[in-house]
Amino acid sequence: GDEGGASGLVREAIKAVLLAYDQGHGGDRLSLELMRAFQVSHVLDLPAQLTRAPVHEWSSRAPLVFDCARRGSPLAVGVIDQAAQALADLLDRLRSRGVTSNLVIAAGGVISNQPLLLDGLCQALESRRPGMRVQLLEDAPVNGALLLARTLV
């Protein structure tokens, strides 16, 4: 999946904006910033932007979700919280498959550069599994893949 990733955050932000619109709520900072970023005049035009542009173009808008959250957007805060919960869900699935480690190594551009997501993940894990630690990977993730590949050769 793309839980906590840039493309997933943008997709979920658009879903949140559309749901708020359907419920009669409009004008949240996240709605306005997404419309500005995608150069559309109405929230209902946002979903089409995900099919018109390559993923890297629309996922580049992920930082605006965090900017909106820091500026008080309840929708943006909800999107980030949902992403943190989704990451914690992934860890729950790993636990159900027998993984017993109490250390989570987090890596990737979004979680490494957006403390709101990292903090959200830490809080989600603390409420579900007290004592579990989260550590940001300080090396390029590809180095771990290369190390694993070397052990298989």
Protein backbone atom coordinates (compact mmCIF):
# COMPACT_ATOMS: atom_id res chain seq x y z
CA GLY A 1 0.00 0.00 0.00
CA ASP A 2 0.94 3.62 0.16
CA GLU A 3 -0.05 4.28 3.76
CA GLY A 4 1.77 7.38 4.94
CA GLY A 5 3.26 8.00 1.49
CA ALA A 6 2.89 11.19 -0.49
CA SER A 7 0.50 9.82 -3.09
CA GLY A 8 -1.72 8.22 -0.45
CA LEU A 9 -1.83 11.42 1.60
CA VAL A 10 -2.88 13.52 -1.39
CA ARG A 11 -5.51 10.98 -2.43
CA GLU A 12 -6.89 10.81 1.13
CA ALA A 13 -6.83 14.61 1.41
CA ILE A 14 -8.96 14.89 -1.72
CA LYS A 15 -11.35 12.26 -0.33
CA ALA A 16 -11.62 14.19 2.93
CA VAL A 17 -12.33 17.44 1.09
CA LEU A 18 -15.02 15.75 -1.02
CA LEU A 19 -16.64 14.15 2.02
CA ALA A 20 -16.71 17.50 3.82
CA TYR A 21 -18.26 19.10 0.75
CA ASP A 22 -20.90 16.34 0.57
CA GLN A 23 -21.73 17.02 4.22
CA GLY A 24 -22.21 20.71 3.51
CA HIS A 25 -18.89 21.89 4.93
CA GLY A 26 -16.71 23.97 2.71
CA GLY A 27 -13.95 26.48 2.91
CA ASP A 28 -11.49 24.46 4.99
CA ARG A 29 -7.93 25.61 4.31
CA LEU A 30 -7.12 22.16 2.90
CA SER A 31 -9.89 22.49 0.32
CA LEU A 32 -8.71 25.91 -0.76
CA GLU A 33 -5.04 24.93 -0.95
CA LEU A 34 -5.74 21.75 -2.94
CA MET A 35 -7.85 23.72 -5.42
CA ARG A 36 -5.08 26.29 -5.76
CA ALA A 37 -2.35 23.64 -6.14
CA PHE A 38 -4.28 21.73 -8.80
CA GLN A 39 -5.52 24.94 -10.44
CA VAL A 40 -9.21 24.07 -10.30
CA SER A 41 -12.11 26.27 -9.30
CA HIS A 42 -14.25 23.69 -7.48
CA VAL A 43 -13.57 20.75 -5.15
CA LEU A 44 -15.54 18.48 -7.46
CA ASP A 45 -12.80 19.00 -10.07
CA LEU A 46 -10.09 17.59 -7.79
CA PRO A 47 -10.53 13.83 -8.39
CA ALA A 48 -9.99 14.19 -12.11
CA GLN A 49 -6.57 15.69 -11.41
CA LEU A 50 -5.41 12.35 -10.01
CA THR A 51 -6.04 10.67 -13.34
CA ARG A 52 -4.71 13.47 -15.55
CA ALA A 53 -1.27 13.86 -14.03
CA PRO A 54 1.43 11.30 -13.27
CA VAL A 55 1.65 10.20 -9.64
CA HIS A 56 4.87 12.11 -8.99
CA GLU A 57 3.16 15.37 -9.95
CA TRP A 58 0.19 15.06 -7.65
CA SER A 59 2.13 13.42 -4.84
CA SER A 60 4.39 16.48 -4.83
CA ARG A 61 1.43 18.30 -3.26
CA ALA A 62 1.73 16.26 -0.01
CA PRO A 63 3.62 19.00 1.88
CA LEU A 64 0.59 21.25 1.62
CA VAL A 65 -1.39 18.77 3.74
CA PHE A 66 1.12 19.27 6.55
CA ASP A 67 1.23 23.03 6.02
CA CYS A 68 -2.56 23.16 6.30
CA ALA A 69 -2.50 21.03 9.45
CA ARG A 70 0.03 23.36 11.08
CA ARG A 71 -2.20 26.29 10.12
CA GLY A 72 -5.23 24.77 11.83
CA SER A 73 -7.09 22.76 9.18
CA PRO A 74 -9.16 20.06 10.90
CA LEU A 75 -9.38 18.15 7.61
CA ALA A 76 -5.61 18.09 7.18
CA VAL A 77 -5.09 17.02 10.78
CA GLY A 78 -7.58 14.21 10.18
CA VAL A 79 -5.80 13.05 7.03
CA ILE A 80 -2.46 12.90 8.85
CA ASP A 81 -4.00 11.08 11.80
CA GLN A 82 -5.63 8.59 9.43
CA ALA A 83 -2.25 7.96 7.76
CA ALA A 84 -0.59 7.36 11.14
CA GLN A 85 -3.38 4.95 12.13
CA ALA A 86 -3.02 3.13 8.80
CA LEU A 87 0.71 2.68 9.43
CA ALA A 88 -0.06 1.35 12.90
CA ASP A 89 -2.58 -1.04 11.30
CA LEU A 90 0.22 -2.38 9.08
CA LEU A 91 2.29 -3.06 12.17
CA ASP A 92 -0.66 -4.83 13.80
CA ARG A 93 -0.84 -7.09 10.74
CA LEU A 94 2.84 -7.89 11.04
CA ARG A 95 2.35 -8.74 14.72
CA SER A 96 -0.49 -11.08 13.78
CA ARG A 97 1.93 -12.85 11.42
CA GLY A 98 4.41 -13.49 14.20
CA VAL A 99 6.68 -10.44 14.25
CA THR A 100 7.66 -9.78 17.86
CA SER A 101 10.07 -6.84 17.69
CA ASN A 102 9.31 -3.79 19.79
CA LEU A 103 11.37 -1.56 17.50
CA VAL A 104 9.92 -0.02 14.36
CA ILE A 105 12.31 1.46 11.82
CA ALA A 106 10.54 4.16 9.82
CA ALA A 107 11.85 5.32 6.47
CA GLY A 108 10.67 7.29 3.50
CA GLY A 109 10.53 10.85 2.36
CA VAL A 110 7.30 11.83 4.06
CA ILE A 111 7.78 10.35 7.52
CA SER A 112 11.44 11.43 7.55
CA ASN A 113 10.57 15.04 6.73
CA GLN A 114 7.20 15.53 8.37
CA PRO A 115 7.31 15.33 12.18
CA LEU A 116 3.51 15.46 12.37
CA LEU A 117 3.28 12.03 10.73
CA LEU A 118 6.10 10.55 12.79
CA ASP A 119 4.57 11.91 16.01
CA GLY A 120 1.18 10.56 14.97
CA LEU A 121 2.63 7.11 14.38
CA CYS A 122 4.40 7.17 17.75
CA GLN A 123 1.15 8.14 19.49
CA ALA A 124 -0.86 5.49 17.64
CA LEU A 125 1.63 2.80 18.59
CA GLU A 126 1.87 3.98 22.19
CA SER A 127 -1.90 3.66 22.59
CA ARG A 128 -1.95 0.20 20.97
CA ARG A 129 1.34 -1.30 22.12
CA PRO A 130 2.97 0.60 24.99
CA GLY A 131 6.73 0.25 24.97
CA MET A 132 7.08 -0.07 21.20
CA ARG A 133 9.75 2.31 19.92
CA VAL A 134 9.94 4.08 16.57
CA GLN A 135 13.26 5.08 15.08
CA LEU A 136 13.88 6.93 11.83
CA LEU A 137 16.23 5.19 9.44
CA GLU A 138 19.38 7.29 9.17
CA ASP A 139 20.70 5.55 6.07
CA ALA A 140 19.28 5.28 2.56
CA PRO A 141 16.64 2.50 2.51
CA VAL A 142 18.28 1.00 -0.58
CA ASN A 143 21.32 0.10 1.54
CA GLY A 144 19.17 -2.25 3.60
CA ALA A 145 17.84 -3.86 0.45
CA LEU A 146 21.40 -4.34 -0.81
CA LEU A 147 22.43 -5.89 2.50
CA LEU A 148 19.52 -8.32 2.35
CA ALA A 149 20.36 -9.18 -1.25
CA ARG A 150 23.98 -9.89 -0.32
CA THR A 151 22.86 -12.33 2.37
CA LEU A 152 20.83 -14.24 -0.22
CA VAL A 153 23.73 -14.62 -2.66
